[in-house]
Amino acid sequence: MQAASRESYAAARQRLDAYAGQTDADRIVATGDELGSVAGLLRREPRLRRALSDPARAGEDRAALLESLVGDKVGADARELLGVLVSGRWSAPSELLSATERLGVEALLASADRAGDLGEVEDELFRFGQVVAADAELSNTLSDPIAPVAQRAELTGALLSGKAKPVTVKLVEVALAGFGGRSFSGALTRLVELAADRRDRQVAYVTVAAPLAEEEEHRLGRKLTELYGREVSVKQTVDPAVLGGLRVQIGSDLYDGTILRRLTDTRNALVRG
């Protein structure tokens, strides 16, 4: 987002956090669902996006326009948050859409945080991403942009029934819809990172040939926390192809100490020699 849009989103996010701090989890979930529904409306209606982000119209007029459209279709809490959003300044209509979608996700994460389930939701999203990545047929099915989201959501709902928190299931559906214009796998990854960020953590994606023991994982997490000055949430992926050692990615930082990397470097050096 450009500066004006970031400021407008920050104002709405601040209002959401204040609301979530004094509201029960179920009510926050309902608000998140309603924000997501309005994001879906904005995605389908480009003319509406343009009208609600038009800098030539006063913020109060844009908020009134949205109020007239959604009326009592969403609750008072969602209407208030949406009013803060659309009355702000937006650099482009697409940024208003992104902000509305993001605010709905943050509301769902806030509900999990309020219920004490946020860490578990973060882990469930990551583990489900691993399950999908390991099954080419399932991955192709869930990533198929031609298949209706509702049809794919029915499948993920069945797969996760009784195995994941309800908020996790809702967030997977958000990923299926292409959160932020991303692929399904990319959207899941981003949702994991947003969940970690709400817990004031960074995510370290660690690839190993065999699973790390619990103490090894904790020790790695402590070292990374010391290095980055912020709590780090370690997410393991097992890939026998790396042969040994480990690869760690945090944001754009990549540390590759795998045997595969060393063999590749050696082979390349021999070729060059």
C-alpha atoms as a PDB file:
ATOM      1  CA  MET A   1       0.000   0.000   0.000  1.00  0.00           C
ATOM      2  CA  GLN A   2       1.051   3.576  -0.592  1.00  0.00           C
ATOM      3  CA  ALA A   3       1.364   6.000   2.332  1.00  0.00           C
ATOM      4  CA  ALA A   4      -2.197   7.392   2.308  1.00  0.00           C
ATOM      5  CA  SER A   5      -3.697   3.925   2.124  1.00  0.00           C
ATOM      6  CA  ARG A   6      -1.450   2.646   4.917  1.00  0.00           C
ATOM      7  CA  GLU A   7      -2.586   5.466   7.196  1.00  0.00           C
ATOM      8  CA  SER A   8      -6.245   4.756   6.445  1.00  0.00           C
ATOM      9  CA  TYR A   9      -5.811   1.050   7.102  1.00  0.00           C
ATOM     10  CA  ALA A  10      -3.874   1.731  10.308  1.00  0.00           C
ATOM     11  CA  ALA A  11      -6.782   3.809  11.639  1.00  0.00           C
ATOM     12  CA  ALA A  12      -9.237   0.971  10.964  1.00  0.00           C
ATOM     13  CA  ARG A  13      -6.869  -1.622  12.425  1.00  0.00           C
ATOM     14  CA  GLN A  14      -6.493   0.452  15.584  1.00  0.00           C
ATOM     15  CA  ARG A  15     -10.271   0.616  15.920  1.00  0.00           C
ATOM     16  CA  LEU A  16     -10.498  -3.161  15.370  1.00  0.00           C
ATOM     17  CA  ASP A  17      -7.917  -3.876  18.076  1.00  0.00           C
ATOM     18  CA  ALA A  18      -9.739  -1.642  20.551  1.00  0.00           C
ATOM     19  CA  TYR A  19     -13.021  -3.389  19.733  1.00  0.00           C
ATOM     20  CA  ALA A  20     -11.485  -6.870  19.969  1.00  0.00           C
ATOM     21  CA  GLY A  21      -9.958  -6.066  23.330  1.00  0.00           C
ATOM     22  CA  GLN A  22     -13.382  -5.741  24.944  1.00  0.00           C
ATOM     23  CA  THR A  23     -15.543  -8.139  22.908  1.00  0.00           C
ATOM     24  CA  ASP A  24     -16.085 -11.889  23.177  1.00  0.00           C
ATOM     25  CA  ALA A  25     -14.545 -14.188  20.564  1.00  0.00           C
ATOM     26  CA  ASP A  26     -17.809 -15.323  18.936  1.00  0.00           C
ATOM     27  CA  ARG A  27     -18.917 -11.755  18.299  1.00  0.00           C
ATOM     28  CA  ILE A  28     -15.531 -10.891  16.772  1.00  0.00           C
ATOM     29  CA  VAL A  29     -15.822 -13.924  14.467  1.00  0.00           C
ATOM     30  CA  ALA A  30     -19.213 -12.688  13.247  1.00  0.00           C
ATOM     31  CA  THR A  31     -17.719  -9.268  12.556  1.00  0.00           C
ATOM     32  CA  GLY A  32     -14.827 -10.868  10.653  1.00  0.00           C
ATOM     33  CA  ASP A  33     -17.261 -12.852   8.520  1.00  0.00           C
ATOM     34  CA  GLU A  34     -19.220  -9.691   7.704  1.00  0.00           C
ATOM     35  CA  LEU A  35     -16.067  -7.798   6.758  1.00  0.00           C
ATOM     36  CA  GLY A  36     -15.115 -10.699   4.497  1.00  0.00           C
ATOM     37  CA  SER A  37     -18.544 -10.596   2.851  1.00  0.00           C
ATOM     38  CA  VAL A  38     -18.171  -6.895   2.093  1.00  0.00           C
ATOM     39  CA  ALA A  39     -14.678  -7.573   0.700  1.00  0.00           C
ATOM     40  CA  GLY A  40     -16.294 -10.137  -1.606  1.00  0.00           C
ATOM     41  CA  LEU A  41     -18.816  -7.512  -2.725  1.00  0.00           C
ATOM     42  CA  LEU A  42     -16.038  -5.038  -3.489  1.00  0.00           C
ATOM     43  CA  ARG A  43     -14.157  -7.713  -5.438  1.00  0.00           C
ATOM     44  CA  ARG A  44     -17.212  -8.367  -7.615  1.00  0.00           C
ATOM     45  CA  GLU A  45     -18.147  -4.682  -8.096  1.00  0.00           C
ATOM     46  CA  PRO A  46     -15.271  -2.556  -9.449  1.00  0.00           C
ATOM     47  CA  ARG A  47     -17.545   0.460  -9.890  1.00  0.00           C
ATOM     48  CA  LEU A  48     -18.420   0.340  -6.208  1.00  0.00           C
ATOM     49  CA  ARG A  49     -14.722   0.132  -5.292  1.00  0.00           C
ATOM     50  CA  ARG A  50     -14.068   3.237  -7.337  1.00  0.00           C
ATOM     51  CA  ALA A  51     -16.983   5.134  -5.786  1.00  0.00           C
ATOM     52  CA  LEU A  52     -15.958   4.254  -2.240  1.00  0.00           C
ATOM     53  CA  SER A  53     -12.339   5.306  -2.778  1.00  0.00           C
ATOM     54  CA  ASP A  54     -13.021   8.388  -4.944  1.00  0.00           C
ATOM     55  CA  PRO A  55     -10.844  11.231  -3.556  1.00  0.00           C
ATOM     56  CA  ALA A  56     -13.230  13.771  -5.087  1.00  0.00           C
ATOM     57  CA  ARG A  57     -15.939  12.704  -2.624  1.00  0.00           C
ATOM     58  CA  ALA A  58     -15.840  13.561   1.058  1.00  0.00           C
ATOM     59  CA  GLY A  59     -15.100  10.693   3.402  1.00  0.00           C
ATOM     60  CA  GLU A  60     -18.447  11.160   5.122  1.00  0.00           C
ATOM     61  CA  ASP A  61     -20.235  10.842   1.765  1.00  0.00           C
ATOM     62  CA  ARG A  62     -18.413   7.610   0.970  1.00  0.00           C
ATOM     63  CA  ALA A  63     -19.241   6.197   4.400  1.00  0.00           C
ATOM     64  CA  ALA A  64     -22.891   7.171   3.910  1.00  0.00           C
ATOM     65  CA  LEU A  65     -22.923   5.465   0.504  1.00  0.00           C
ATOM     66  CA  LEU A  66     -21.642   2.225   1.981  1.00  0.00           C
ATOM     67  CA  GLU A  67     -24.140   2.460   4.838  1.00  0.00           C
ATOM     68  CA  SER A  68     -26.978   2.812   2.331  1.00  0.00           C
ATOM     69  CA  LEU A  69     -25.787  -0.285   0.477  1.00  0.00           C
ATOM     70  CA  VAL A  70     -25.118  -2.674   3.336  1.00  0.00           C
ATOM     71  CA  GLY A  71     -27.784  -1.330   5.710  1.00  0.00           C
ATOM     72  CA  ASP A  72     -28.713  -3.967   8.255  1.00  0.00           C
ATOM     73  CA  LYS A  73     -27.083  -6.758   6.214  1.00  0.00           C
ATOM     74  CA  VAL A  74     -24.077  -6.462   8.513  1.00  0.00           C
ATOM     75  CA  GLY A  75     -23.945  -5.719  12.216  1.00  0.00           C
ATOM     76  CA  ALA A  76     -23.238  -2.383  13.856  1.00  0.00           C
ATOM     77  CA  ASP A  77     -19.671  -3.391  14.729  1.00  0.00           C
ATOM     78  CA  ALA A  78     -18.779  -4.212  11.133  1.00  0.00           C
ATOM     79  CA  ARG A  79     -20.517  -1.053   9.878  1.00  0.00           C
ATOM     80  CA  GLU A  80     -18.463   1.088  12.233  1.00  0.00           C
ATOM     81  CA  LEU A  81     -15.186  -0.500  11.103  1.00  0.00           C
ATOM     82  CA  LEU A  82     -16.169  -0.207   7.448  1.00  0.00           C
ATOM     83  CA  GLY A  83     -17.072   3.428   8.006  1.00  0.00           C
ATOM     84  CA  VAL A  84     -13.567   4.109   9.300  1.00  0.00           C
ATOM     85  CA  LEU A  85     -12.103   2.340   6.270  1.00  0.00           C
ATOM     86  CA  VAL A  86     -14.058   4.011   3.482  1.00  0.00           C
ATOM     87  CA  SER A  87     -13.879   7.495   5.001  1.00  0.00           C
ATOM     88  CA  GLY A  88     -10.078   7.347   4.773  1.00  0.00           C
ATOM     89  CA  ARG A  89      -7.913   8.306   1.802  1.00  0.00           C
ATOM     90  CA  TRP A  90      -7.022   5.561  -0.684  1.00  0.00           C
ATOM     91  CA  SER A  91      -4.337   5.665  -3.333  1.00  0.00           C
ATOM     92  CA  ALA A  92      -6.249   3.217  -5.542  1.00  0.00           C
ATOM     93  CA  PRO A  93      -9.569   1.329  -5.426  1.00  0.00           C
ATOM     94  CA  SER A  94      -7.650  -1.951  -5.276  1.00  0.00           C
ATOM     95  CA  GLU A  95      -6.033  -0.855  -2.029  1.00  0.00           C
ATOM     96  CA  LEU A  96      -9.430  -0.317  -0.411  1.00  0.00           C
ATOM     97  CA  LEU A  97     -10.330  -3.881  -1.417  1.00  0.00           C
ATOM     98  CA  SER A  98      -7.075  -5.247  -0.008  1.00  0.00           C
ATOM     99  CA  ALA A  99      -7.582  -3.345   3.242  1.00  0.00           C
ATOM    100  CA  THR A 100     -11.147  -4.596   3.685  1.00  0.00           C
ATOM    101  CA  GLU A 101     -10.060  -8.167   3.042  1.00  0.00           C
ATOM    102  CA  ARG A 102      -7.098  -7.816   5.417  1.00  0.00           C
ATOM    103  CA  LEU A 103      -9.261  -6.287   8.150  1.00  0.00           C
ATOM    104  CA  GLY A 104     -11.634  -9.260   7.937  1.00  0.00           C
ATOM    105  CA  VAL A 105      -8.699 -11.642   8.358  1.00  0.00           C
ATOM    106  CA  GLU A 106      -7.335  -9.643  11.284  1.00  0.00           C
ATOM    107  CA  ALA A 107     -10.751  -9.838  12.942  1.00  0.00           C
ATOM    108  CA  LEU A 108     -10.735 -13.639  12.641  1.00  0.00           C
ATOM    109  CA  LEU A 109      -7.203 -13.778  14.062  1.00  0.00           C
ATOM    110  CA  ALA A 110      -8.225 -11.419  16.859  1.00  0.00           C
ATOM    111  CA  SER A 111     -11.095 -13.743  17.755  1.00  0.00           C
ATOM    112  CA  ALA A 112      -8.653 -16.666  18.003  1.00  0.00           C
ATOM    113  CA  ASP A 113      -6.363 -14.535  20.140  1.00  0.00           C
ATOM    114  CA  ARG A 114      -9.266 -13.597  22.403  1.00  0.00           C
ATOM    115  CA  ALA A 115     -10.137 -17.290  22.800  1.00  0.00           C
ATOM    116  CA  GLY A 116      -6.519 -18.228  23.527  1.00  0.00           C
ATOM    117  CA  ASP A 117      -6.279 -20.285  20.337  1.00  0.00           C
ATOM    118  CA  LEU A 118      -4.083 -18.125  18.108  1.00  0.00           C
ATOM    119  CA  GLY A 119      -0.912 -20.216  18.403  1.00  0.00           C
ATOM    120  CA  GLU A 120      -2.879 -23.352  17.601  1.00  0.00           C
ATOM    121  CA  VAL A 121      -4.560 -21.713  14.603  1.00  0.00           C
ATOM    122  CA  GLU A 122      -1.148 -20.646  13.305  1.00  0.00           C
ATOM    123  CA  ASP A 123       0.151 -24.220  13.564  1.00  0.00           C
ATOM    124  CA  GLU A 124      -2.975 -25.724  11.998  1.00  0.00           C
ATOM    125  CA  LEU A 125      -2.717 -23.441   8.974  1.00  0.00           C
ATOM    126  CA  PHE A 126       0.918 -24.388   8.473  1.00  0.00           C
ATOM    127  CA  ARG A 127       0.308 -28.116   8.916  1.00  0.00           C
ATOM    128  CA  PHE A 128      -2.606 -28.069   6.489  1.00  0.00           C
ATOM    129  CA  GLY A 129      -0.388 -26.326   3.954  1.00  0.00           C
ATOM    130  CA  GLN A 130       2.130 -29.143   4.334  1.00  0.00           C
ATOM    131  CA  VAL A 131      -0.556 -31.802   3.887  1.00  0.00           C
ATOM    132  CA  VAL A 132      -1.739 -30.138   0.687  1.00  0.00           C
ATOM    133  CA  ALA A 133       1.789 -29.664  -0.663  1.00  0.00           C
ATOM    134  CA  ALA A 134       2.528 -33.377  -0.141  1.00  0.00           C
ATOM    135  CA  ASP A 135      -0.500 -34.471  -2.201  1.00  0.00           C
ATOM    136  CA  ALA A 136      -0.265 -33.298  -5.814  1.00  0.00           C
ATOM    137  CA  GLU A 137      -3.859 -34.236  -6.634  1.00  0.00           C
ATOM    138  CA  LEU A 138      -5.252 -32.430  -3.598  1.00  0.00           C
ATOM    139  CA  SER A 139      -3.049 -29.410  -4.286  1.00  0.00           C
ATOM    140  CA  ASN A 140      -4.259 -29.179  -7.887  1.00  0.00           C
ATOM    141  CA  THR A 141      -7.877 -29.523  -6.800  1.00  0.00           C
ATOM    142  CA  LEU A 142      -7.703 -26.817  -4.145  1.00  0.00           C
ATOM    143  CA  SER A 143      -5.672 -24.460  -6.349  1.00  0.00           C
ATOM    144  CA  ASP A 144      -7.984 -24.774  -9.365  1.00  0.00           C
ATOM    145  CA  PRO A 145      -9.252 -21.218 -10.059  1.00  0.00           C
ATOM    146  CA  ILE A 146     -12.023 -22.540 -12.297  1.00  0.00           C
ATOM    147  CA  ALA A 147     -13.659 -24.633  -9.567  1.00  0.00           C
ATOM    148  CA  PRO A 148     -16.097 -22.598  -7.426  1.00  0.00           C
ATOM    149  CA  VAL A 149     -14.697 -21.543  -4.052  1.00  0.00           C
ATOM    150  CA  ALA A 150     -17.766 -22.999  -2.310  1.00  0.00           C
ATOM    151  CA  GLN A 151     -17.084 -26.403  -3.850  1.00  0.00           C
ATOM    152  CA  ARG A 152     -13.441 -26.383  -2.764  1.00  0.00           C
ATOM    153  CA  ALA A 153     -14.418 -25.058   0.672  1.00  0.00           C
ATOM    154  CA  GLU A 154     -16.745 -28.024   1.102  1.00  0.00           C
ATOM    155  CA  LEU A 155     -13.777 -30.316   0.533  1.00  0.00           C
ATOM    156  CA  THR A 156     -11.482 -28.501   2.975  1.00  0.00           C
ATOM    157  CA  GLY A 157     -14.276 -28.380   5.524  1.00  0.00           C
ATOM    158  CA  ALA A 158     -14.620 -32.160   5.327  1.00  0.00           C
ATOM    159  CA  LEU A 159     -10.848 -32.642   5.571  1.00  0.00           C
ATOM    160  CA  LEU A 160     -10.540 -30.384   8.613  1.00  0.00           C
ATOM    161  CA  SER A 161     -13.751 -31.375  10.397  1.00  0.00           C
ATOM    162  CA  GLY A 162     -12.963 -32.207  14.006  1.00  0.00           C
ATOM    163  CA  LYS A 163      -9.244 -31.675  13.367  1.00  0.00           C
ATOM    164  CA  ALA A 164      -8.931 -27.887  13.395  1.00  0.00           C
ATOM    165  CA  LYS A 165     -10.371 -24.842  15.107  1.00  0.00           C
ATOM    166  CA  PRO A 166     -13.391 -23.258  13.386  1.00  0.00           C
ATOM    167  CA  VAL A 167     -11.365 -20.096  12.778  1.00  0.00           C
ATOM    168  CA  THR A 168      -8.719 -22.176  10.995  1.00  0.00           C
ATOM    169  CA  VAL A 169     -11.395 -23.558   8.681  1.00  0.00           C
ATOM    170  CA  LYS A 170     -12.638 -20.028   7.950  1.00  0.00           C
ATOM    171  CA  LEU A 171      -9.118 -18.815   7.182  1.00  0.00           C
ATOM    172  CA  VAL A 172      -8.531 -21.739   4.825  1.00  0.00           C
ATOM    173  CA  GLU A 173     -11.651 -20.607   2.960  1.00  0.00           C
ATOM    174  CA  VAL A 174     -10.155 -17.114   2.758  1.00  0.00           C
ATOM    175  CA  ALA A 175      -7.035 -18.667   1.212  1.00  0.00           C
ATOM    176  CA  LEU A 176      -9.163 -20.585  -1.290  1.00  0.00           C
ATOM    177  CA  ALA A 177     -10.650 -17.277  -2.432  1.00  0.00           C
ATOM    178  CA  GLY A 178      -7.129 -16.018  -3.219  1.00  0.00           C
ATOM    179  CA  PHE A 179      -6.383 -13.767  -0.252  1.00  0.00           C
ATOM    180  CA  GLY A 180      -4.525 -10.693  -1.500  1.00  0.00           C
ATOM    181  CA  GLY A 181      -4.485 -11.999  -5.068  1.00  0.00           C
ATOM    182  CA  ARG A 182      -2.234 -14.901  -4.064  1.00  0.00           C
ATOM    183  CA  SER A 183      -2.286 -18.573  -4.981  1.00  0.00           C
ATOM    184  CA  PHE A 184      -3.836 -20.926  -2.445  1.00  0.00           C
ATOM    185  CA  SER A 185      -0.456 -21.991  -1.057  1.00  0.00           C
ATOM    186  CA  GLY A 186       0.807 -18.413  -1.060  1.00  0.00           C
ATOM    187  CA  ALA A 187      -2.313 -17.239   0.765  1.00  0.00           C
ATOM    188  CA  LEU A 188      -1.915 -19.947   3.424  1.00  0.00           C
ATOM    189  CA  THR A 189       1.695 -18.893   3.974  1.00  0.00           C
ATOM    190  CA  ARG A 190       0.682 -15.262   4.347  1.00  0.00           C
ATOM    191  CA  LEU A 191      -2.037 -16.180   6.850  1.00  0.00           C
ATOM    192  CA  VAL A 192       0.497 -18.131   8.934  1.00  0.00           C
ATOM    193  CA  GLU A 193       2.721 -15.056   8.984  1.00  0.00           C
ATOM    194  CA  LEU A 194      -0.140 -12.732   9.959  1.00  0.00           C
ATOM    195  CA  ALA A 195      -1.078 -15.070  12.807  1.00  0.00           C
ATOM    196  CA  ALA A 196       2.534 -15.048  14.003  1.00  0.00           C
ATOM    197  CA  ASP A 197       2.742 -11.270  13.649  1.00  0.00           C
ATOM    198  CA  ARG A 198      -0.323 -10.823  15.869  1.00  0.00           C
ATOM    199  CA  ARG A 199       1.604 -12.800  18.475  1.00  0.00           C
ATOM    200  CA  ASP A 200       4.568 -10.457  17.853  1.00  0.00           C
ATOM    201  CA  ARG A 201       6.614 -13.206  16.237  1.00  0.00           C
ATOM    202  CA  GLN A 202       8.439 -13.840  12.994  1.00  0.00           C
ATOM    203  CA  VAL A 203       8.193 -17.137  11.154  1.00  0.00           C
ATOM    204  CA  ALA A 204      11.262 -19.235  10.407  1.00  0.00           C
ATOM    205  CA  TYR A 205      10.690 -21.873   7.724  1.00  0.00           C
ATOM    206  CA  VAL A 206      13.152 -24.659   8.464  1.00  0.00           C
ATOM    207  CA  THR A 207      13.798 -27.479   5.976  1.00  0.00           C
ATOM    208  CA  VAL A 208      15.505 -30.621   7.298  1.00  0.00           C
ATOM    209  CA  ALA A 209      16.157 -34.160   6.082  1.00  0.00           C
ATOM    210  CA  ALA A 210      14.667 -35.639   9.275  1.00  0.00           C
ATOM    211  CA  PRO A 211      12.492 -33.995  11.962  1.00  0.00           C
ATOM    212  CA  LEU A 212      14.299 -32.004  14.619  1.00  0.00           C
ATOM    213  CA  ALA A 213      13.865 -33.221  18.182  1.00  0.00           C
ATOM    214  CA  GLU A 214      11.751 -30.937  20.336  1.00  0.00           C
ATOM    215  CA  GLU A 215      14.787 -29.650  22.246  1.00  0.00           C
ATOM    216  CA  GLU A 216      16.680 -29.030  18.987  1.00  0.00           C
ATOM    217  CA  GLU A 217      13.742 -27.019  17.652  1.00  0.00           C
ATOM    218  CA  HIS A 218      13.534 -24.982  20.854  1.00  0.00           C
ATOM    219  CA  ARG A 219      17.288 -24.354  20.796  1.00  0.00           C
ATOM    220  CA  LEU A 220      17.107 -23.180  17.176  1.00  0.00           C
ATOM    221  CA  GLY A 221      14.165 -20.927  18.038  1.00  0.00           C
ATOM    222  CA  ARG A 222      16.113 -19.356  20.926  1.00  0.00           C
ATOM    223  CA  LYS A 223      19.155 -18.704  18.706  1.00  0.00           C
ATOM    224  CA  LEU A 224      17.018 -17.090  16.005  1.00  0.00           C
ATOM    225  CA  THR A 225      15.219 -14.989  18.618  1.00  0.00           C
ATOM    226  CA  GLU A 226      18.570 -13.704  19.856  1.00  0.00           C
ATOM    227  CA  LEU A 227      19.666 -12.966  16.287  1.00  0.00           C
ATOM    228  CA  TYR A 228      16.513 -11.103  15.249  1.00  0.00           C
ATOM    229  CA  GLY A 229      15.590  -9.516  18.572  1.00  0.00           C
ATOM    230  CA  ARG A 230      12.047 -10.839  18.283  1.00  0.00           C
ATOM    231  CA  GLU A 231      10.357 -14.128  19.150  1.00  0.00           C
ATOM    232  CA  VAL A 232      10.594 -16.600  16.271  1.00  0.00           C
ATOM    233  CA  SER A 233       8.032 -19.285  15.435  1.00  0.00           C
ATOM    234  CA  VAL A 234       9.811 -22.296  13.895  1.00  0.00           C
ATOM    235  CA  LYS A 235       7.950 -24.201  11.165  1.00  0.00           C
ATOM    236  CA  GLN A 236       9.575 -27.452  10.076  1.00  0.00           C
ATOM    237  CA  THR A 237       9.363 -29.060   6.650  1.00  0.00           C
ATOM    238  CA  VAL A 238      10.942 -32.486   6.184  1.00  0.00           C
ATOM    239  CA  ASP A 239      12.591 -33.039   2.809  1.00  0.00           C
ATOM    240  CA  PRO A 240      14.944 -36.042   2.589  1.00  0.00           C
ATOM    241  CA  ALA A 241      16.402 -34.581  -0.618  1.00  0.00           C
ATOM    242  CA  VAL A 242      18.454 -32.053   1.387  1.00  0.00           C
ATOM    243  CA  LEU A 243      20.364 -35.071   2.824  1.00  0.00           C
ATOM    244  CA  GLY A 244      21.336 -33.379   6.107  1.00  0.00           C
ATOM    245  CA  GLY A 245      21.909 -30.040   7.787  1.00  0.00           C
ATOM    246  CA  LEU A 246      19.164 -27.447   7.568  1.00  0.00           C
ATOM    247  CA  ARG A 247      17.875 -24.534   5.537  1.00  0.00           C
ATOM    248  CA  VAL A 248      16.279 -21.582   7.333  1.00  0.00           C
ATOM    249  CA  GLN A 249      14.285 -18.803   5.695  1.00  0.00           C
ATOM    250  CA  ILE A 250      13.021 -15.773   7.621  1.00  0.00           C
ATOM    251  CA  GLY A 251      11.450 -13.181   5.371  1.00  0.00           C
ATOM    252  CA  SER A 252      13.990 -12.500   2.613  1.00  0.00           C
ATOM    253  CA  ASP A 253      16.883 -13.940   4.649  1.00  0.00           C
ATOM    254  CA  LEU A 254      18.011 -17.442   3.639  1.00  0.00           C
ATOM    255  CA  TYR A 255      20.573 -19.531   5.495  1.00  0.00           C
ATOM    256  CA  ASP A 256      21.354 -22.770   3.670  1.00  0.00           C
ATOM    257  CA  GLY A 257      23.592 -25.196   5.547  1.00  0.00           C
ATOM    258  CA  THR A 258      22.261 -28.363   3.966  1.00  0.00           C
ATOM    259  CA  ILE A 259      24.481 -31.133   2.649  1.00  0.00           C
ATOM    260  CA  LEU A 260      22.697 -30.799  -0.698  1.00  0.00           C
ATOM    261  CA  ARG A 261      23.783 -27.158  -0.908  1.00  0.00           C
ATOM    262  CA  ARG A 262      27.390 -28.056  -0.079  1.00  0.00           C
ATOM    263  CA  LEU A 263      27.440 -30.820  -2.695  1.00  0.00           C
ATOM    264  CA  THR A 264      25.945 -28.471  -5.269  1.00  0.00           C
ATOM    265  CA  ASP A 265      28.546 -25.793  -4.499  1.00  0.00           C
ATOM    266  CA  THR A 266      31.345 -28.372  -4.731  1.00  0.00           C
ATOM    267  CA  ARG A 267      30.066 -29.717  -8.032  1.00  0.00           C
ATOM    268  CA  ASN A 268      29.776 -26.205  -9.474  1.00  0.00           C
ATOM    269  CA  ALA A 269      33.305 -25.384  -8.328  1.00  0.00           C
ATOM    270  CA  LEU A 270      34.629 -28.525 -10.031  1.00  0.00           C
ATOM    271  CA  VAL A 271      32.815 -27.642 -13.249  1.00  0.00           C
ATOM    272  CA  ARG A 272      34.228 -24.118 -13.203  1.00  0.00           C
ATOM    273  CA  GLY A 273      37.711 -25.493 -12.446  1.00  0.00           C
END
